[in-house]
C-alpha atoms as a PDB file:
ATOM      1  CA  MET A   1      76.321-116.145 -11.136  1.00  0.00           C
ATOM      2  CA  ASN A   2      72.959-114.816 -10.032  1.00  0.00           C
ATOM      3  CA  SER A   3      73.925-111.173 -10.741  1.00  0.00           C
ATOM      4  CA  ILE A   4      75.171-112.072 -14.244  1.00  0.00           C
ATOM      5  CA  THR A   5      71.820-113.660 -15.006  1.00  0.00           C
ATOM      6  CA  GLN A   6      70.015-110.567 -13.744  1.00  0.00           C
ATOM      7  CA  TYR A   7      72.175-108.272 -15.893  1.00  0.00           C
ATOM      8  CA  MET A   8      71.566-110.429 -18.968  1.00  0.00           C
ATOM      9  CA  LEU A   9      67.815-110.408 -18.310  1.00  0.00           C
ATOM     10  CA  ALA A  10      67.819-106.615 -17.843  1.00  0.00           C
ATOM     11  CA  GLY A  11      69.774-106.161 -21.095  1.00  0.00           C
ATOM     12  CA  LEU A  12      67.333-108.401 -22.952  1.00  0.00           C
ATOM     13  CA  LEU A  13      64.370-106.389 -21.652  1.00  0.00           C
ATOM     14  CA  VAL A  14      66.003-103.088 -22.651  1.00  0.00           C
ATOM     15  CA  ALA A  15      66.713-104.400 -26.158  1.00  0.00           C
ATOM     16  CA  ALA A  16      63.135-105.627 -26.524  1.00  0.00           C
ATOM     17  CA  GLY A  17      61.786-102.247 -25.371  1.00  0.00           C
ATOM     18  CA  VAL A  18      63.949-100.338 -27.859  1.00  0.00           C
ATOM     19  CA  GLN A  19      62.826-102.615 -30.691  1.00  0.00           C
ATOM     20  CA  TYR A  20      59.165-102.169 -29.718  1.00  0.00           C
ATOM     21  CA  GLN A  21      59.519 -98.373 -29.734  1.00  0.00           C
ATOM     22  CA  ALA A  22      61.204 -98.422 -33.159  1.00  0.00           C
ATOM     23  CA  GLU A  23      58.404-100.545 -34.624  1.00  0.00           C
ATOM     24  CA  SER A  24      55.621 -98.411 -33.165  1.00  0.00           C
ATOM     25  CA  LYS A  25      57.058 -95.191 -34.635  1.00  0.00           C
ATOM     26  CA  GLY A  26      56.601 -96.536 -38.165  1.00  0.00           C
ATOM     27  CA  THR A  27      52.813 -96.215 -38.055  1.00  0.00           C
ATOM     28  CA  ARG A  28      50.783 -93.047 -37.680  1.00  0.00           C
ATOM     29  CA  SER A  29      48.835 -92.649 -34.502  1.00  0.00           C
ATOM     30  CA  ALA A  30      45.154 -91.790 -34.653  1.00  0.00           C
ATOM     31  CA  ARG A  31      45.819 -89.192 -31.969  1.00  0.00           C
ATOM     32  CA  GLN A  32      48.321 -87.349 -34.188  1.00  0.00           C
ATOM     33  CA  PRO A  33      46.843 -87.193 -37.690  1.00  0.00           C
ATOM     34  CA  PHE A  34      49.457 -85.718 -40.002  1.00  0.00           C
ATOM     35  CA  PRO A  35      48.492 -84.696 -43.547  1.00  0.00           C
ATOM     36  CA  GLU A  36      49.881 -86.822 -46.373  1.00  0.00           C
ATOM     37  CA  LYS A  37      50.930 -83.761 -48.393  1.00  0.00           C
ATOM     38  CA  GLY A  38      51.568 -80.194 -47.373  1.00  0.00           C
ATOM     39  CA  PHE A  39      50.912 -78.600 -44.022  1.00  0.00           C
ATOM     40  CA  TRP A  40      48.764 -75.929 -42.398  1.00  0.00           C
ATOM     41  CA  VAL A  41      49.563 -73.156 -39.951  1.00  0.00           C
ATOM     42  CA  ALA A  42      46.918 -71.752 -37.608  1.00  0.00           C
ATOM     43  CA  GLU A  43      47.347 -68.542 -35.655  1.00  0.00           C
ATOM     44  CA  THR A  44      44.944 -66.499 -33.599  1.00  0.00           C
ATOM     45  CA  GLY A  45      43.859 -63.333 -35.384  1.00  0.00           C
ATOM     46  CA  PRO A  46      44.715 -59.878 -34.081  1.00  0.00           C
ATOM     47  CA  ASP A  47      41.182 -59.472 -32.725  1.00  0.00           C
ATOM     48  CA  LYS A  48      41.603 -62.607 -30.502  1.00  0.00           C
ATOM     49  CA  LYS A  49      38.209 -63.829 -31.748  1.00  0.00           C
ATOM     50  CA  SER A  50      39.201 -65.535 -34.996  1.00  0.00           C
ATOM     51  CA  THR A  51      41.863 -67.869 -36.396  1.00  0.00           C
ATOM     52  CA  VAL A  52      43.869 -67.359 -39.580  1.00  0.00           C
ATOM     53  CA  VAL A  53      44.708 -70.669 -41.263  1.00  0.00           C
ATOM     54  CA  ARG A  54      47.290 -70.840 -44.056  1.00  0.00           C
ATOM     55  CA  TYR A  55      47.568 -73.954 -46.218  1.00  0.00           C
ATOM     56  CA  TYR A  56      50.949 -74.757 -47.765  1.00  0.00           C
ATOM     57  CA  ALA A  57      52.197 -77.345 -50.232  1.00  0.00           C
ATOM     58  CA  ASN A  58      55.266 -79.391 -49.324  1.00  0.00           C
ATOM     59  CA  SER A  59      57.416 -76.839 -51.115  1.00  0.00           C
ATOM     60  CA  THR A  60      56.328 -74.081 -48.687  1.00  0.00           C
ATOM     61  CA  HIS A  61      54.219 -72.617 -51.501  1.00  0.00           C
ATOM     62  CA  LEU A  62      51.178 -70.844 -50.004  1.00  0.00           C
ATOM     63  CA  VAL A  63      48.127 -72.507 -51.514  1.00  0.00           C
ATOM     64  CA  SER A  64      45.419 -70.543 -49.703  1.00  0.00           C
ATOM     65  CA  GLU A  65      44.614 -68.561 -46.593  1.00  0.00           C
ATOM     66  CA  THR A  66      41.309 -68.509 -44.736  1.00  0.00           C
ATOM     67  CA  THR A  67      39.975 -66.799 -41.635  1.00  0.00           C
ATOM     68  CA  GLU A  68      37.824 -68.907 -39.343  1.00  0.00           C
ATOM     69  CA  PRO A  69      35.263 -66.872 -37.368  1.00  0.00           C
ATOM     70  CA  GLU A  70      36.110 -68.624 -34.081  1.00  0.00           C
ATOM     71  CA  VAL A  71      39.311 -69.443 -32.213  1.00  0.00           C
ATOM     72  CA  LEU A  72      40.360 -72.989 -33.151  1.00  0.00           C
ATOM     73  CA  ASP A  73      41.911 -75.281 -30.565  1.00  0.00           C
ATOM     74  CA  VAL A  74      44.360 -77.334 -32.637  1.00  0.00           C
ATOM     75  CA  ARG A  75      44.978 -79.612 -29.654  1.00  0.00           C
ATOM     76  CA  LYS A  76      41.597 -81.219 -30.390  1.00  0.00           C
ATOM     77  CA  LEU A  77      41.648 -84.225 -32.688  1.00  0.00           C
ATOM     78  CA  SER A  78      38.464 -83.174 -34.501  1.00  0.00           C
ATOM     79  CA  VAL A  79      39.941 -79.749 -35.355  1.00  0.00           C
ATOM     80  CA  ARG A  80      43.161 -81.272 -36.720  1.00  0.00           C
ATOM     81  CA  LYS A  81      41.195 -83.759 -38.827  1.00  0.00           C
ATOM     82  CA  ARG A  82      39.004 -80.967 -40.213  1.00  0.00           C
ATOM     83  CA  LEU A  83      42.040 -78.827 -41.097  1.00  0.00           C
ATOM     84  CA  ASN A  84      43.743 -81.823 -42.736  1.00  0.00           C
ATOM     85  CA  GLU A  85      40.651 -82.436 -44.854  1.00  0.00           C
ATOM     86  CA  LYS A  86      40.497 -78.767 -45.895  1.00  0.00           C
ATOM     87  CA  LEU A  87      44.203 -78.938 -46.761  1.00  0.00           C
ATOM     88  CA  ARG A  88      43.591 -81.959 -48.978  1.00  0.00           C
ATOM     89  CA  LYS A  89      40.794 -80.120 -50.802  1.00  0.00           C
ATOM     90  CA  GLU A  90      42.901 -76.978 -51.219  1.00  0.00           C
ATOM     91  CA  LEU A  91      45.783 -78.984 -52.657  1.00  0.00           C
ATOM     92  CA  GLU A  92      43.405 -80.602 -55.156  1.00  0.00           C
ATOM     93  CA  LYS A  93      42.290 -77.131 -56.303  1.00  0.00           C
ATOM     94  CA  ASP A  94      45.905 -75.902 -56.604  1.00  0.00           C
ATOM     95  CA  THR A  95      46.629 -75.642 -60.345  1.00  0.00           C
ATOM     96  CA  THR A  96      50.034 -73.976 -60.145  1.00  0.00           C
ATOM     97  CA  GLY A  97      51.882 -77.285 -60.036  1.00  0.00           C
ATOM     98  CA  GLN A  98      54.201 -75.940 -57.359  1.00  0.00           C
ATOM     99  CA  SER A  99      52.887 -78.414 -54.848  1.00  0.00           C
ATOM    100  CA  ALA A 100      54.956 -81.104 -56.603  1.00  0.00           C
ATOM    101  CA  ILE A 101      58.289 -79.365 -55.918  1.00  0.00           C
ATOM    102  CA  LYS A 102      60.264 -80.905 -53.099  1.00  0.00           C
ATOM    103  CA  LEU A 103      62.560 -78.949 -50.814  1.00  0.00           C
ATOM    104  CA  TYR A 104      65.609 -81.031 -51.645  1.00  0.00           C
ATOM    105  CA  GLU A 105      65.109 -80.353 -55.366  1.00  0.00           C
ATOM    106  CA  MET A 106      65.216 -76.582 -54.972  1.00  0.00           C
ATOM    107  CA  ASN A 107      68.454 -74.691 -55.640  1.00  0.00           C
END
């Protein structure tokens, strides 16, 4: 009887842990700021002293491309926030209307 109780308690704890993980994935973490629309891609330039950043709309339409004079470390939260803010501004300037196209609507 004691082992049955232990198994039931272990099962209850596992179920509670799975439910907690599912609930926590619904919110965005401050450590991983994802842009609301579009995305950016950063790659080190050929000279190894600069970074090329390309800003895309959700439809993989290239909105703009910039070259930063220094190498950006995208692992840093401040860098990701700055790139997300620049992406938001670039999407506001985008007048082509292609940023509204969704991938599942394309043929």
